[in-house]
Amino acid sequence: MNKKQLRNDIILIGSLLLVAVICLVLLLTNRSRENLIARISVQNEVVETIDLSKKEDADYYIDGLKGKLHIHTHDGAIAVVESNCPHQDCVRMGYVKESGRPIICAYNAVSIVIDGDATNDVEI
């Protein structure tokens, strides 16, 4: 393989990677933040519905299967800030503001799912 062909291959691969990164950034930054609804379920039964598009700070206390969860909303995002579960995975998830990324506390059988405008959501 000569140097000119190798250089052209590198330019082509670099250009394709650059276009892919730009497309990914545009898709992720243009995701809809309107009409986001968080549905909190205990044992697959919705117990609370929260409109995240209002971007209000609020606290919610949900009775799970084995204890209470303290849930907080802030700037259009939702998080479990306190739970009695042993592993604290739900607390470590932090604030979530996009659909397709649920918060689950298996110990308490609580799930938080964000639904939004599906036209701009990206699923990977």
PDB file of N, CA and C in Angstrom:
ATOM      1  N   MET A   1       0.856  -1.177   0.000  1.00  0.00           N
ATOM      2  CA  MET A   1       0.000   0.000   0.000  1.00  0.00           C
ATOM      3  C   MET A   1       0.899   1.236   0.000  1.00  0.00           C
ATOM      4  N   ASN A   2       0.625   2.128  -0.907  1.00  0.00           N
ATOM      5  CA  ASN A   2       1.476   3.312  -0.974  1.00  0.00           C
ATOM      6  C   ASN A   2       1.022   4.385   0.009  1.00  0.00           C
ATOM      7  N   LYS A   3       1.868   5.362   0.234  1.00  0.00           N
ATOM      8  CA  LYS A   3       1.604   6.392   1.236  1.00  0.00           C
ATOM      9  C   LYS A   3       0.393   7.247   0.879  1.00  0.00           C
ATOM     10  N   LYS A   4       0.177   7.495  -0.395  1.00  0.00           N
ATOM     11  CA  LYS A   4      -0.955   8.331  -0.808  1.00  0.00           C
ATOM     12  C   LYS A   4      -2.282   7.629  -0.509  1.00  0.00           C
ATOM     13  N   GLN A   5      -2.346   6.337  -0.767  1.00  0.00           N
ATOM     14  CA  GLN A   5      -3.575   5.592  -0.505  1.00  0.00           C
ATOM     15  C   GLN A   5      -3.824   5.495   1.001  1.00  0.00           C
ATOM     16  N   LEU A   6      -2.791   5.285   1.785  1.00  0.00           N
ATOM     17  CA  LEU A   6      -2.916   5.232   3.238  1.00  0.00           C
ATOM     18  C   LEU A   6      -3.405   6.563   3.793  1.00  0.00           C
ATOM     19  N   ARG A   7      -2.838   7.664   3.280  1.00  0.00           N
ATOM     20  CA  ARG A   7      -3.259   9.002   3.718  1.00  0.00           C
ATOM     21  C   ARG A   7      -4.732   9.235   3.388  1.00  0.00           C
ATOM     22  N   ASN A   8      -5.170   8.828   2.199  1.00  0.00           N
ATOM     23  CA  ASN A   8      -6.572   8.993   1.810  1.00  0.00           C
ATOM     24  C   ASN A   8      -7.501   8.150   2.681  1.00  0.00           C
ATOM     25  N   ASP A   9      -7.068   6.945   3.031  1.00  0.00           N
ATOM     26  CA  ASP A   9      -7.870   6.095   3.918  1.00  0.00           C
ATOM     27  C   ASP A   9      -8.013   6.725   5.304  1.00  0.00           C
ATOM     28  N   ILE A  10      -6.936   7.284   5.805  1.00  0.00           N
ATOM     29  CA  ILE A  10      -6.976   7.931   7.124  1.00  0.00           C
ATOM     30  C   ILE A  10      -7.894   9.153   7.083  1.00  0.00           C
ATOM     31  N   ILE A  11      -7.837   9.926   6.037  1.00  0.00           N
ATOM     32  CA  ILE A  11      -8.713  11.102   5.896  1.00  0.00           C
ATOM     33  C   ILE A  11     -10.169  10.670   5.825  1.00  0.00           C
ATOM     34  N   LEU A  12     -10.466   9.600   5.082  1.00  0.00           N
ATOM     35  CA  LEU A  12     -11.833   9.107   4.958  1.00  0.00           C
ATOM     36  C   LEU A  12     -12.368   8.614   6.302  1.00  0.00           C
ATOM     37  N   ILE A  13     -11.578   7.816   7.006  1.00  0.00           N
ATOM     38  CA  ILE A  13     -12.004   7.297   8.310  1.00  0.00           C
ATOM     39  C   ILE A  13     -12.185   8.434   9.307  1.00  0.00           C
ATOM     40  N   GLY A  14     -11.274   9.379   9.324  1.00  0.00           N
ATOM     41  CA  GLY A  14     -11.391  10.529  10.220  1.00  0.00           C
ATOM     42  C   GLY A  14     -12.628  11.366   9.929  1.00  0.00           C
ATOM     43  N   SER A  15     -12.915  11.560   8.647  1.00  0.00           N
ATOM     44  CA  SER A  15     -14.107  12.330   8.264  1.00  0.00           C
ATOM     45  C   SER A  15     -15.374  11.628   8.693  1.00  0.00           C
ATOM     46  N   LEU A  16     -15.441  10.313   8.493  1.00  0.00           N
ATOM     47  CA  LEU A  16     -16.625   9.549   8.907  1.00  0.00           C
ATOM     48  C   LEU A  16     -16.820   9.599  10.422  1.00  0.00           C
ATOM     49  N   LEU A  17     -15.728   9.476  11.174  1.00  0.00           N
ATOM     50  CA  LEU A  17     -15.825   9.572  12.633  1.00  0.00           C
ATOM     51  C   LEU A  17     -16.288  10.959  13.071  1.00  0.00           C
ATOM     52  N   LEU A  18     -15.796  11.983  12.441  1.00  0.00           N
ATOM     53  CA  LEU A  18     -16.194  13.347  12.767  1.00  0.00           C
ATOM     54  C   LEU A  18     -17.678  13.563  12.496  1.00  0.00           C
ATOM     55  N   VAL A  19     -18.168  13.092  11.366  1.00  0.00           N
ATOM     56  CA  VAL A  19     -19.595  13.216  11.034  1.00  0.00           C
ATOM     57  C   VAL A  19     -20.442  12.440  12.035  1.00  0.00           C
ATOM     58  N   ALA A  20     -20.003  11.247  12.433  1.00  0.00           N
ATOM     59  CA  ALA A  20     -20.747  10.447  13.406  1.00  0.00           C
ATOM     60  C   ALA A  20     -20.825  11.144  14.758  1.00  0.00           C
ATOM     61  N   VAL A  21     -19.724  11.730  15.205  1.00  0.00           N
ATOM     62  CA  VAL A  21     -19.703  12.428  16.492  1.00  0.00           C
ATOM     63  C   VAL A  21     -20.605  13.663  16.444  1.00  0.00           C
ATOM     64  N   ILE A  22     -20.544  14.401  15.371  1.00  0.00           N
ATOM     65  CA  ILE A  22     -21.402  15.589  15.235  1.00  0.00           C
ATOM     66  C   ILE A  22     -22.870  15.197  15.250  1.00  0.00           C
ATOM     67  N   CYS A  23     -23.237  14.138  14.530  1.00  0.00           N
ATOM     68  CA  CYS A  23     -24.632  13.675  14.521  1.00  0.00           C
ATOM     69  C   CYS A  23     -25.078  13.243  15.914  1.00  0.00           C
ATOM     70  N   LEU A  24     -24.234  12.524  16.626  1.00  0.00           N
ATOM     71  CA  LEU A  24     -24.576  12.078  17.973  1.00  0.00           C
ATOM     72  C   LEU A  24     -24.764  13.258  18.914  1.00  0.00           C
ATOM     73  N   VAL A  25     -23.880  14.235  18.843  1.00  0.00           N
ATOM     74  CA  VAL A  25     -23.998  15.428  19.697  1.00  0.00           C
ATOM     75  C   VAL A  25     -25.287  16.180  19.383  1.00  0.00           C
ATOM     76  N   LEU A  26     -25.610  16.343  18.124  1.00  0.00           N
ATOM     77  CA  LEU A  26     -26.840  17.039  17.740  1.00  0.00           C
ATOM     78  C   LEU A  26     -28.079  16.288  18.208  1.00  0.00           C
ATOM     79  N   LEU A  27     -28.079  14.985  18.095  1.00  0.00           N
ATOM     80  CA  LEU A  27     -29.230  14.200  18.550  1.00  0.00           C
ATOM     81  C   LEU A  27     -29.418  14.300  20.051  1.00  0.00           C
ATOM     82  N   LEU A  28     -28.327  14.220  20.789  1.00  0.00           N
ATOM     83  CA  LEU A  28     -28.437  14.255  22.244  1.00  0.00           C
ATOM     84  C   LEU A  28     -28.763  15.637  22.780  1.00  0.00           C
ATOM     85  N   THR A  29     -28.308  16.696  22.125  1.00  0.00           N
ATOM     86  CA  THR A  29     -28.591  18.041  22.623  1.00  0.00           C
ATOM     87  C   THR A  29     -29.961  18.537  22.182  1.00  0.00           C
ATOM     88  N   ASN A  30     -30.527  17.967  21.153  1.00  0.00           N
ATOM     89  CA  ASN A  30     -31.844  18.398  20.685  1.00  0.00           C
ATOM     90  C   ASN A  30     -32.977  17.559  21.249  1.00  0.00           C
ATOM     91  N   ARG A  31     -32.691  16.743  22.241  1.00  0.00           N
ATOM     92  CA  ARG A  31     -33.744  15.929  22.831  1.00  0.00           C
ATOM     93  C   ARG A  31     -34.768  16.842  23.487  1.00  0.00           C
ATOM     94  N   SER A  32     -36.001  16.474  23.354  1.00  0.00           N
ATOM     95  CA  SER A  32     -37.092  17.282  23.883  1.00  0.00           C
ATOM     96  C   SER A  32     -37.091  17.269  25.407  1.00  0.00           C
ATOM     97  N   ARG A  33     -37.192  18.405  26.001  1.00  0.00           N
ATOM     98  CA  ARG A  33     -37.314  18.532  27.448  1.00  0.00           C
ATOM     99  C   ARG A  33     -38.730  18.970  27.824  1.00  0.00           C
ATOM    100  N   GLU A  34     -39.618  18.993  26.855  1.00  0.00           N
ATOM    101  CA  GLU A  34     -40.993  19.391  27.113  1.00  0.00           C
ATOM    102  C   GLU A  34     -41.846  18.163  27.356  1.00  0.00           C
ATOM    103  N   ASN A  35     -42.892  18.340  28.108  1.00  0.00           N
ATOM    104  CA  ASN A  35     -43.870  17.295  28.367  1.00  0.00           C
ATOM    105  C   ASN A  35     -43.255  16.058  29.011  1.00  0.00           C
ATOM    106  N   LEU A  36     -42.280  16.234  29.882  1.00  0.00           N
ATOM    107  CA  LEU A  36     -41.690  15.102  30.577  1.00  0.00           C
ATOM    108  C   LEU A  36     -42.511  14.792  31.822  1.00  0.00           C
ATOM    109  N   ILE A  37     -42.932  13.554  31.910  1.00  0.00           N
ATOM    110  CA  ILE A  37     -43.741  13.086  33.032  1.00  0.00           C
ATOM    111  C   ILE A  37     -43.007  11.941  33.708  1.00  0.00           C
ATOM    112  N   ALA A  38     -42.831  12.029  35.016  1.00  0.00           N
ATOM    113  CA  ALA A  38     -42.243  10.936  35.788  1.00  0.00           C
ATOM    114  C   ALA A  38     -43.379  10.156  36.432  1.00  0.00           C
ATOM    115  N   ARG A  39     -43.370   8.856  36.210  1.00  0.00           N
ATOM    116  CA  ARG A  39     -44.375   7.973  36.814  1.00  0.00           C
ATOM    117  C   ARG A  39     -43.675   7.099  37.845  1.00  0.00           C
ATOM    118  N   ILE A  40     -44.119   7.235  39.097  1.00  0.00           N
ATOM    119  CA  ILE A  40     -43.553   6.447  40.190  1.00  0.00           C
ATOM    120  C   ILE A  40     -44.502   5.290  40.460  1.00  0.00           C
ATOM    121  N   SER A  41     -43.954   4.082  40.396  1.00  0.00           N
ATOM    122  CA  SER A  41     -44.771   2.881  40.588  1.00  0.00           C
ATOM    123  C   SER A  41     -44.231   2.062  41.746  1.00  0.00           C
ATOM    124  N   VAL A  42     -45.151   1.461  42.485  1.00  0.00           N
ATOM    125  CA  VAL A  42     -44.810   0.503  43.525  1.00  0.00           C
ATOM    126  C   VAL A  42     -45.476  -0.810  43.132  1.00  0.00           C
ATOM    127  N   GLN A  43     -44.695  -1.840  42.967  1.00  0.00           N
ATOM    128  CA  GLN A  43     -45.166  -3.143  42.504  1.00  0.00           C
ATOM    129  C   GLN A  43     -45.988  -3.006  41.222  1.00  0.00           C
ATOM    130  N   ASN A  44     -45.460  -2.249  40.284  1.00  0.00           N
ATOM    131  CA  ASN A  44     -46.058  -2.018  38.955  1.00  0.00           C
ATOM    132  C   ASN A  44     -47.394  -1.280  38.983  1.00  0.00           C
ATOM    133  N   GLU A  45     -47.707  -0.618  40.068  1.00  0.00           N
ATOM    134  CA  GLU A  45     -48.915   0.206  40.152  1.00  0.00           C
ATOM    135  C   GLU A  45     -48.499   1.658  40.341  1.00  0.00           C
ATOM    136  N   VAL A  46     -48.919   2.533  39.428  1.00  0.00           N
ATOM    137  CA  VAL A  46     -48.534   3.947  39.487  1.00  0.00           C
ATOM    138  C   VAL A  46     -49.171   4.584  40.716  1.00  0.00           C
ATOM    139  N   VAL A  47     -48.311   5.161  41.572  1.00  0.00           N
ATOM    140  CA  VAL A  47     -48.791   5.810  42.792  1.00  0.00           C
ATOM    141  C   VAL A  47     -48.637   7.321  42.739  1.00  0.00           C
ATOM    142  N   GLU A  48     -47.771   7.815  41.833  1.00  0.00           N
ATOM    143  CA  GLU A  48     -47.549   9.261  41.730  1.00  0.00           C
ATOM    144  C   GLU A  48     -47.119   9.595  40.310  1.00  0.00           C
ATOM    145  N   THR A  49     -47.664  10.697  39.796  1.00  0.00           N
ATOM    146  CA  THR A  49     -47.279  11.210  38.487  1.00  0.00           C
ATOM    147  C   THR A  49     -46.802  12.640  38.684  1.00  0.00           C
ATOM    148  N   ILE A  50     -45.600  12.944  38.177  1.00  0.00           N
ATOM    149  CA  ILE A  50     -44.992  14.252  38.386  1.00  0.00           C
ATOM    150  C   ILE A  50     -44.660  14.870  37.038  1.00  0.00           C
ATOM    151  N   ASP A  51     -45.084  16.120  36.838  1.00  0.00           N
ATOM    152  CA  ASP A  51     -44.774  16.848  35.608  1.00  0.00           C
ATOM    153  C   ASP A  51     -43.411  17.511  35.771  1.00  0.00           C
ATOM    154  N   LEU A  52     -42.386  16.945  35.129  1.00  0.00           N
ATOM    155  CA  LEU A  52     -41.026  17.476  35.254  1.00  0.00           C
ATOM    156  C   LEU A  52     -40.804  18.715  34.407  1.00  0.00           C
ATOM    157  N   SER A  53     -41.672  18.962  33.439  1.00  0.00           N
ATOM    158  CA  SER A  53     -41.478  20.130  32.575  1.00  0.00           C
ATOM    159  C   SER A  53     -41.715  21.440  33.332  1.00  0.00           C
ATOM    160  N   LYS A  54     -42.330  21.379  34.508  1.00  0.00           N
ATOM    161  CA  LYS A  54     -42.524  22.582  35.328  1.00  0.00           C
ATOM    162  C   LYS A  54     -41.231  23.009  36.016  1.00  0.00           C
ATOM    163  N   LYS A  55     -40.250  22.105  36.091  1.00  0.00           N
ATOM    164  CA  LYS A  55     -38.929  22.375  36.674  1.00  0.00           C
ATOM    165  C   LYS A  55     -39.013  22.929  38.091  1.00  0.00           C
ATOM    166  N   GLU A  56     -39.893  22.350  38.878  1.00  0.00           N
ATOM    167  CA  GLU A  56     -40.053  22.781  40.261  1.00  0.00           C
ATOM    168  C   GLU A  56     -39.200  21.927  41.188  1.00  0.00           C
ATOM    169  N   ASP A  57     -38.802  22.516  42.304  1.00  0.00           N
ATOM    170  CA  ASP A  57     -38.150  21.753  43.363  1.00  0.00           C
ATOM    171  C   ASP A  57     -39.243  21.228  44.284  1.00  0.00           C
ATOM    172  N   ALA A  58     -39.279  19.919  44.471  1.00  0.00           N
ATOM    173  CA  ALA A  58     -40.302  19.326  45.325  1.00  0.00           C
ATOM    174  C   ALA A  58     -39.773  18.029  45.920  1.00  0.00           C
ATOM    175  N   ASP A  59     -40.325  17.664  47.067  1.00  0.00           N
ATOM    176  CA  ASP A  59     -39.979  16.415  47.737  1.00  0.00           C
ATOM    177  C   ASP A  59     -41.198  15.516  47.787  1.00  0.00           C
ATOM    178  N   TYR A  60     -40.971  14.234  47.574  1.00  0.00           N
ATOM    179  CA  TYR A  60     -42.031  13.231  47.619  1.00  0.00           C
ATOM    180  C   TYR A  60     -41.537  12.085  48.486  1.00  0.00           C
ATOM    181  N   TYR A  61     -42.443  11.532  49.274  1.00  0.00           N
ATOM    182  CA  TYR A  61     -42.117  10.397  50.124  1.00  0.00           C
ATOM    183  C   TYR A  61     -43.028   9.255  49.710  1.00  0.00           C
ATOM    184  N   ILE A  62     -42.424   8.195  49.201  1.00  0.00           N
ATOM    185  CA  ILE A  62     -43.177   7.076  48.652  1.00  0.00           C
ATOM    186  C   ILE A  62     -42.969   5.860  49.553  1.00  0.00           C
ATOM    187  N   ASP A  63     -44.078   5.206  49.917  1.00  0.00           N
ATOM    188  CA  ASP A  63     -44.003   3.979  50.697  1.00  0.00           C
ATOM    189  C   ASP A  63     -43.722   2.821  49.755  1.00  0.00           C
ATOM    190  N   GLY A  64     -42.542   2.246  49.881  1.00  0.00           N
ATOM    191  CA  GLY A  64     -42.163   1.092  49.083  1.00  0.00           C
ATOM    192  C   GLY A  64     -42.582  -0.188  49.778  1.00  0.00           C
ATOM    193  N   LEU A  65     -42.143  -1.292  49.254  1.00  0.00           N
ATOM    194  CA  LEU A  65     -42.486  -2.598  49.793  1.00  0.00           C
ATOM    195  C   LEU A  65     -41.927  -2.799  51.195  1.00  0.00           C
ATOM    196  N   LYS A  66     -40.704  -2.277  51.445  1.00  0.00           N
ATOM    197  CA  LYS A  66     -40.057  -2.501  52.739  1.00  0.00           C
ATOM    198  C   LYS A  66     -39.650  -1.216  53.445  1.00  0.00           C
ATOM    199  N   GLY A  67     -40.086  -0.064  52.945  1.00  0.00           N
ATOM    200  CA  GLY A  67     -39.733   1.190  53.594  1.00  0.00           C
ATOM    201  C   GLY A  67     -40.047   2.387  52.719  1.00  0.00           C
ATOM    202  N   LYS A  68     -39.687   3.577  53.213  1.00  0.00           N
ATOM    203  CA  LYS A  68     -39.960   4.821  52.485  1.00  0.00           C
ATOM    204  C   LYS A  68     -38.780   5.221  51.620  1.00  0.00           C
ATOM    205  N   LEU A  69     -39.118   5.874  50.495  1.00  0.00           N
ATOM    206  CA  LEU A  69     -38.117   6.481  49.642  1.00  0.00           C
ATOM    207  C   LEU A  69     -38.366   7.979  49.623  1.00  0.00           C
ATOM    208  N   HIS A  70     -37.292   8.746  49.732  1.00  0.00           N
ATOM    209  CA  HIS A  70     -37.381  10.201  49.619  1.00  0.00           C
ATOM    210  C   HIS A  70     -36.946  10.545  48.206  1.00  0.00           C
ATOM    211  N   ILE A  71     -37.865  11.114  47.442  1.00  0.00           N
ATOM    212  CA  ILE A  71     -37.621  11.457  46.045  1.00  0.00           C
ATOM    213  C   ILE A  71     -37.669  12.967  45.915  1.00  0.00           C
ATOM    214  N   HIS A  72     -36.718  13.522  45.157  1.00  0.00           N
ATOM    215  CA  HIS A  72     -36.630  14.970  44.991  1.00  0.00           C
ATOM    216  C   HIS A  72     -36.598  15.323  43.505  1.00  0.00           C
ATOM    217  N   THR A  73     -37.312  16.382  43.143  1.00  0.00           N
ATOM    218  CA  THR A  73     -37.243  16.901  41.777  1.00  0.00           C
ATOM    219  C   THR A  73     -36.552  18.260  41.813  1.00  0.00           C
ATOM    220  N   HIS A  74     -35.738  18.498  40.782  1.00  0.00           N
ATOM    221  CA  HIS A  74     -34.989  19.757  40.701  1.00  0.00           C
ATOM    222  C   HIS A  74     -34.672  20.047  39.246  1.00  0.00           C
ATOM    223  N   ASP A  75     -35.085  21.204  38.772  1.00  0.00           N
ATOM    224  CA  ASP A  75     -34.746  21.680  37.429  1.00  0.00           C
ATOM    225  C   ASP A  75     -35.077  20.653  36.337  1.00  0.00           C
ATOM    226  N   GLY A  76     -36.248  20.043  36.433  1.00  0.00           N
ATOM    227  CA  GLY A  76     -36.688  19.100  35.411  1.00  0.00           C
ATOM    228  C   GLY A  76     -36.100  17.715  35.530  1.00  0.00           C
ATOM    229  N   ALA A  77     -35.464  17.416  36.646  1.00  0.00           N
ATOM    230  CA  ALA A  77     -34.862  16.100  36.865  1.00  0.00           C
ATOM    231  C   ALA A  77     -35.418  15.504  38.152  1.00  0.00           C
ATOM    232  N   ILE A  78     -35.278  14.184  38.283  1.00  0.00           N
ATOM    233  CA  ILE A  78     -35.796  13.489  39.452  1.00  0.00           C
ATOM    234  C   ILE A  78     -34.733  12.532  39.981  1.00  0.00           C
ATOM    235  N   ALA A  79     -34.709  12.366  41.310  1.00  0.00           N
ATOM    236  CA  ALA A  79     -33.720  11.473  41.929  1.00  0.00           C
ATOM    237  C   ALA A  79     -34.285  10.896  43.214  1.00  0.00           C
ATOM    238  N   VAL A  80     -33.810   9.713  43.556  1.00  0.00           N
ATOM    239  CA  VAL A  80     -34.058   9.144  44.877  1.00  0.00           C
ATOM    240  C   VAL A  80     -32.902   9.636  45.738  1.00  0.00           C
ATOM    241  N   VAL A  81     -33.200  10.420  46.758  1.00  0.00           N
ATOM    242  CA  VAL A  81     -32.131  10.981  47.589  1.00  0.00           C
ATOM    243  C   VAL A  81     -31.926  10.202  48.883  1.00  0.00           C
ATOM    244  N   GLU A  82     -32.912   9.385  49.244  1.00  0.00           N
ATOM    245  CA  GLU A  82     -32.769   8.585  50.457  1.00  0.00           C
ATOM    246  C   GLU A  82     -33.635   7.339  50.351  1.00  0.00           C
ATOM    247  N   SER A  83     -33.057   6.204  50.753  1.00  0.00           N
ATOM    248  CA  SER A  83     -33.781   4.946  50.722  1.00  0.00           C
ATOM    249  C   SER A  83     -33.210   4.043  51.810  1.00  0.00           C
ATOM    250  N   ASN A  84     -34.020   3.111  52.279  1.00  0.00           N
ATOM    251  CA  ASN A  84     -33.547   2.177  53.295  1.00  0.00           C
ATOM    252  C   ASN A  84     -32.981   0.897  52.693  1.00  0.00           C
ATOM    253  N   CYS A  85     -32.836   0.837  51.376  1.00  0.00           N
ATOM    254  CA  CYS A  85     -32.336  -0.376  50.728  1.00  0.00           C
ATOM    255  C   CYS A  85     -30.846  -0.567  51.031  1.00  0.00           C
ATOM    256  N   PRO A  86     -30.379  -1.806  51.078  1.00  0.00           N
ATOM    257  CA  PRO A  86     -28.994  -2.045  51.494  1.00  0.00           C
ATOM    258  C   PRO A  86     -27.931  -1.596  50.488  1.00  0.00           C
ATOM    259  N   HIS A  87     -28.177  -1.678  49.194  1.00  0.00           N
ATOM    260  CA  HIS A  87     -27.137  -1.371  48.215  1.00  0.00           C
ATOM    261  C   HIS A  87     -27.136   0.084  47.747  1.00  0.00           C
ATOM    262  N   GLN A  88     -28.217   0.802  47.902  1.00  0.00           N
ATOM    263  CA  GLN A  88     -28.314   2.214  47.558  1.00  0.00           C
ATOM    264  C   GLN A  88     -28.081   2.493  46.068  1.00  0.00           C
ATOM    265  N   ASP A  89     -28.345   1.508  45.194  1.00  0.00           N
ATOM    266  CA  ASP A  89     -28.176   1.719  43.758  1.00  0.00           C
ATOM    267  C   ASP A  89     -29.110   2.806  43.244  1.00  0.00           C
ATOM    268  N   CYS A  90     -30.334   2.850  43.761  1.00  0.00           N
ATOM    269  CA  CYS A  90     -31.298   3.863  43.318  1.00  0.00           C
ATOM    270  C   CYS A  90     -30.828   5.270  43.693  1.00  0.00           C
ATOM    271  N   VAL A  91     -30.181   5.427  44.815  1.00  0.00           N
ATOM    272  CA  VAL A  91     -29.672   6.731  45.249  1.00  0.00           C
ATOM    273  C   VAL A  91     -28.467   7.129  44.395  1.00  0.00           C
ATOM    274  N   ARG A  92     -27.611   6.145  44.075  1.00  0.00           N
ATOM    275  CA  ARG A  92     -26.418   6.423  43.279  1.00  0.00           C
ATOM    276  C   ARG A  92     -26.723   6.783  41.831  1.00  0.00           C
ATOM    277  N   MET A  93     -27.933   6.524  41.360  1.00  0.00           N
ATOM    278  CA  MET A  93     -28.310   6.900  39.990  1.00  0.00           C
ATOM    279  C   MET A  93     -28.263   8.414  39.808  1.00  0.00           C
ATOM    280  N   GLY A  94     -28.476   9.157  40.885  1.00  0.00           N
ATOM    281  CA  GLY A  94     -28.464  10.615  40.800  1.00  0.00           C
ATOM    282  C   GLY A  94     -29.706  11.139  40.093  1.00  0.00           C
ATOM    283  N   TYR A  95     -29.606  12.364  39.610  1.00  0.00           N
ATOM    284  CA  TYR A  95     -30.733  13.016  38.949  1.00  0.00           C
ATOM    285  C   TYR A  95     -30.832  12.542  37.505  1.00  0.00           C
ATOM    286  N   VAL A  96     -32.041  12.169  37.119  1.00  0.00           N
ATOM    287  CA  VAL A  96     -32.312  11.701  35.762  1.00  0.00           C
ATOM    288  C   VAL A  96     -33.325  12.649  35.147  1.00  0.00           C
ATOM    289  N   LYS A  97     -33.071  13.060  33.900  1.00  0.00           N
ATOM    290  CA  LYS A  97     -33.999  13.977  33.243  1.00  0.00           C
ATOM    291  C   LYS A  97     -34.347  13.552  31.823  1.00  0.00           C
ATOM    292  N   GLU A  98     -33.952  12.363  31.423  1.00  0.00           N
ATOM    293  CA  GLU A  98     -34.295  11.911  30.081  1.00  0.00           C
ATOM    294  C   GLU A  98     -35.093  10.613  30.150  1.00  0.00           C
ATOM    295  N   SER A  99     -35.988  10.453  29.196  1.00  0.00           N
ATOM    296  CA  SER A  99     -36.765   9.225  29.138  1.00  0.00           C
ATOM    297  C   SER A  99     -35.863   8.089  28.696  1.00  0.00           C
ATOM    298  N   GLY A 100     -36.254   6.890  29.018  1.00  0.00           N
ATOM    299  CA  GLY A 100     -35.466   5.732  28.647  1.00  0.00           C
ATOM    300  C   GLY A 100     -34.396   5.363  29.668  1.00  0.00           C
ATOM    301  N   ARG A 101     -34.335   6.062  30.777  1.00  0.00           N
ATOM    302  CA  ARG A 101     -33.352   5.778  31.828  1.00  0.00           C
ATOM    303  C   ARG A 101     -34.083   5.715  33.172  1.00  0.00           C
ATOM    304  N   PRO A 102     -34.664   4.567  33.501  1.00  0.00           N
ATOM    305  CA  PRO A 102     -35.457   4.471  34.730  1.00  0.00           C
ATOM    306  C   PRO A 102     -34.582   4.406  35.983  1.00  0.00           C
ATOM    307  N   ILE A 103     -35.193   4.756  37.094  1.00  0.00           N
ATOM    308  CA  ILE A 103     -34.574   4.575  38.405  1.00  0.00           C
ATOM    309  C   ILE A 103     -35.351   3.441  39.063  1.00  0.00           C
ATOM    310  N   ILE A 104     -34.628   2.429  39.522  1.00  0.00           N
ATOM    311  CA  ILE A 104     -35.297   1.257  40.087  1.00  0.00           C
ATOM    312  C   ILE A 104     -34.733   0.953  41.458  1.00  0.00           C
ATOM    313  N   CYS A 105     -35.617   0.750  42.415  1.00  0.00           N
ATOM    314  CA  CYS A 105     -35.237   0.252  43.737  1.00  0.00           C
ATOM    315  C   CYS A 105     -35.897  -1.116  43.869  1.00  0.00           C
ATOM    316  N   ALA A 106     -35.154  -2.161  43.559  1.00  0.00           N
ATOM    317  CA  ALA A 106     -35.713  -3.519  43.585  1.00  0.00           C
ATOM    318  C   ALA A 106     -36.088  -3.928  45.007  1.00  0.00           C
ATOM    319  N   TYR A 107     -35.331  -3.486  45.976  1.00  0.00           N
ATOM    320  CA  TYR A 107     -35.580  -3.828  47.383  1.00  0.00           C
ATOM    321  C   TYR A 107     -36.974  -3.375  47.809  1.00  0.00           C
ATOM    322  N   ASN A 108     -37.377  -2.190  47.391  1.00  0.00           N
ATOM    323  CA  ASN A 108     -38.676  -1.625  47.753  1.00  0.00           C
ATOM    324  C   ASN A 108     -39.727  -1.786  46.658  1.00  0.00           C
ATOM    325  N   ALA A 109     -39.361  -2.413  45.533  1.00  0.00           N
ATOM    326  CA  ALA A 109     -40.267  -2.621  44.394  1.00  0.00           C
ATOM    327  C   ALA A 109     -40.801  -1.295  43.859  1.00  0.00           C
ATOM    328  N   VAL A 110     -39.929  -0.285  43.814  1.00  0.00           N
ATOM    329  CA  VAL A 110     -40.300   1.044  43.326  1.00  0.00           C
ATOM    330  C   VAL A 110     -39.534   1.315  42.027  1.00  0.00           C
ATOM    331  N   SER A 111     -40.256   1.851  41.047  1.00  0.00           N
ATOM    332  CA  SER A 111     -39.606   2.256  39.804  1.00  0.00           C
ATOM    333  C   SER A 111     -40.076   3.656  39.431  1.00  0.00           C
ATOM    334  N   ILE A 112     -39.162   4.409  38.853  1.00  0.00           N
ATOM    335  CA  ILE A 112     -39.466   5.754  38.355  1.00  0.00           C
ATOM    336  C   ILE A 112     -39.122   5.748  36.875  1.00  0.00           C
ATOM    337  N   VAL A 113     -40.126   5.986  36.052  1.00  0.00           N
ATOM    338  CA  VAL A 113     -39.944   5.985  34.606  1.00  0.00           C
ATOM    339  C   VAL A 113     -40.361   7.346  34.078  1.00  0.00           C
ATOM    340  N   ILE A 114     -39.536   7.935  33.224  1.00  0.00           N
ATOM    341  CA  ILE A 114     -39.841   9.229  32.632  1.00  0.00           C
ATOM    342  C   ILE A 114     -40.362   9.004  31.221  1.00  0.00           C
ATOM    343  N   ASP A 115     -41.534   9.541  30.967  1.00  0.00           N
ATOM    344  CA  ASP A 115     -42.131   9.496  29.637  1.00  0.00           C
ATOM    345  C   ASP A 115     -42.092  10.899  29.065  1.00  0.00           C
ATOM    346  N   GLY A 116     -41.813  10.990  27.775  1.00  0.00           N
ATOM    347  CA  GLY A 116     -41.777  12.295  27.143  1.00  0.00           C
ATOM    348  C   GLY A 116     -42.202  12.208  25.715  1.00  0.00           C
ATOM    349  N   ASP A 117     -41.913  13.264  24.980  1.00  0.00           N
ATOM    350  CA  ASP A 117     -42.209  13.335  23.557  1.00  0.00           C
ATOM    351  C   ASP A 117     -41.307  12.359  22.831  1.00  0.00           C
ATOM    352  N   ALA A 118     -41.871  11.252  22.355  1.00  0.00           N
ATOM    353  CA  ALA A 118     -41.084  10.178  21.769  1.00  0.00           C
ATOM    354  C   ALA A 118     -40.490  10.530  20.422  1.00  0.00           C
ATOM    355  N   THR A 119     -40.897  11.639  19.815  1.00  0.00           N
ATOM    356  CA  THR A 119     -40.388  11.977  18.500  1.00  0.00           C
ATOM    357  C   THR A 119     -38.926  12.354  18.511  1.00  0.00           C
ATOM    358  N   ASN A 120     -38.423  12.863  19.639  1.00  0.00           N
ATOM    359  CA  ASN A 120     -37.024  13.282  19.708  1.00  0.00           C
ATOM    360  C   ASN A 120     -36.163  12.411  20.582  1.00  0.00           C
ATOM    361  N   ASP A 121     -36.720  11.307  21.128  1.00  0.00           N
ATOM    362  CA  ASP A 121     -35.950  10.446  22.004  1.00  0.00           C
ATOM    363  C   ASP A 121     -35.036   9.540  21.196  1.00  0.00           C
ATOM    364  N   VAL A 122     -33.889   9.268  21.748  1.00  0.00           N
ATOM    365  CA  VAL A 122     -32.919   8.391  21.103  1.00  0.00           C
ATOM    366  C   VAL A 122     -32.799   7.150  21.949  1.00  0.00           C
ATOM    367  N   GLU A 123     -32.934   5.989  21.324  1.00  0.00           N
ATOM    368  CA  GLU A 123     -32.741   4.731  22.031  1.00  0.00           C
ATOM    369  C   GLU A 123     -31.508   4.059  21.493  1.00  0.00           C
ATOM    370  N   ILE A 124     -30.657   3.647  22.402  1.00  0.00           N
ATOM    371  CA  ILE A 124     -29.426   2.978  21.975  1.00  0.00           C
ATOM    372  C   ILE A 124     -29.428   1.580  22.541  1.00  0.00           C
TER     373      ILE A 124
END
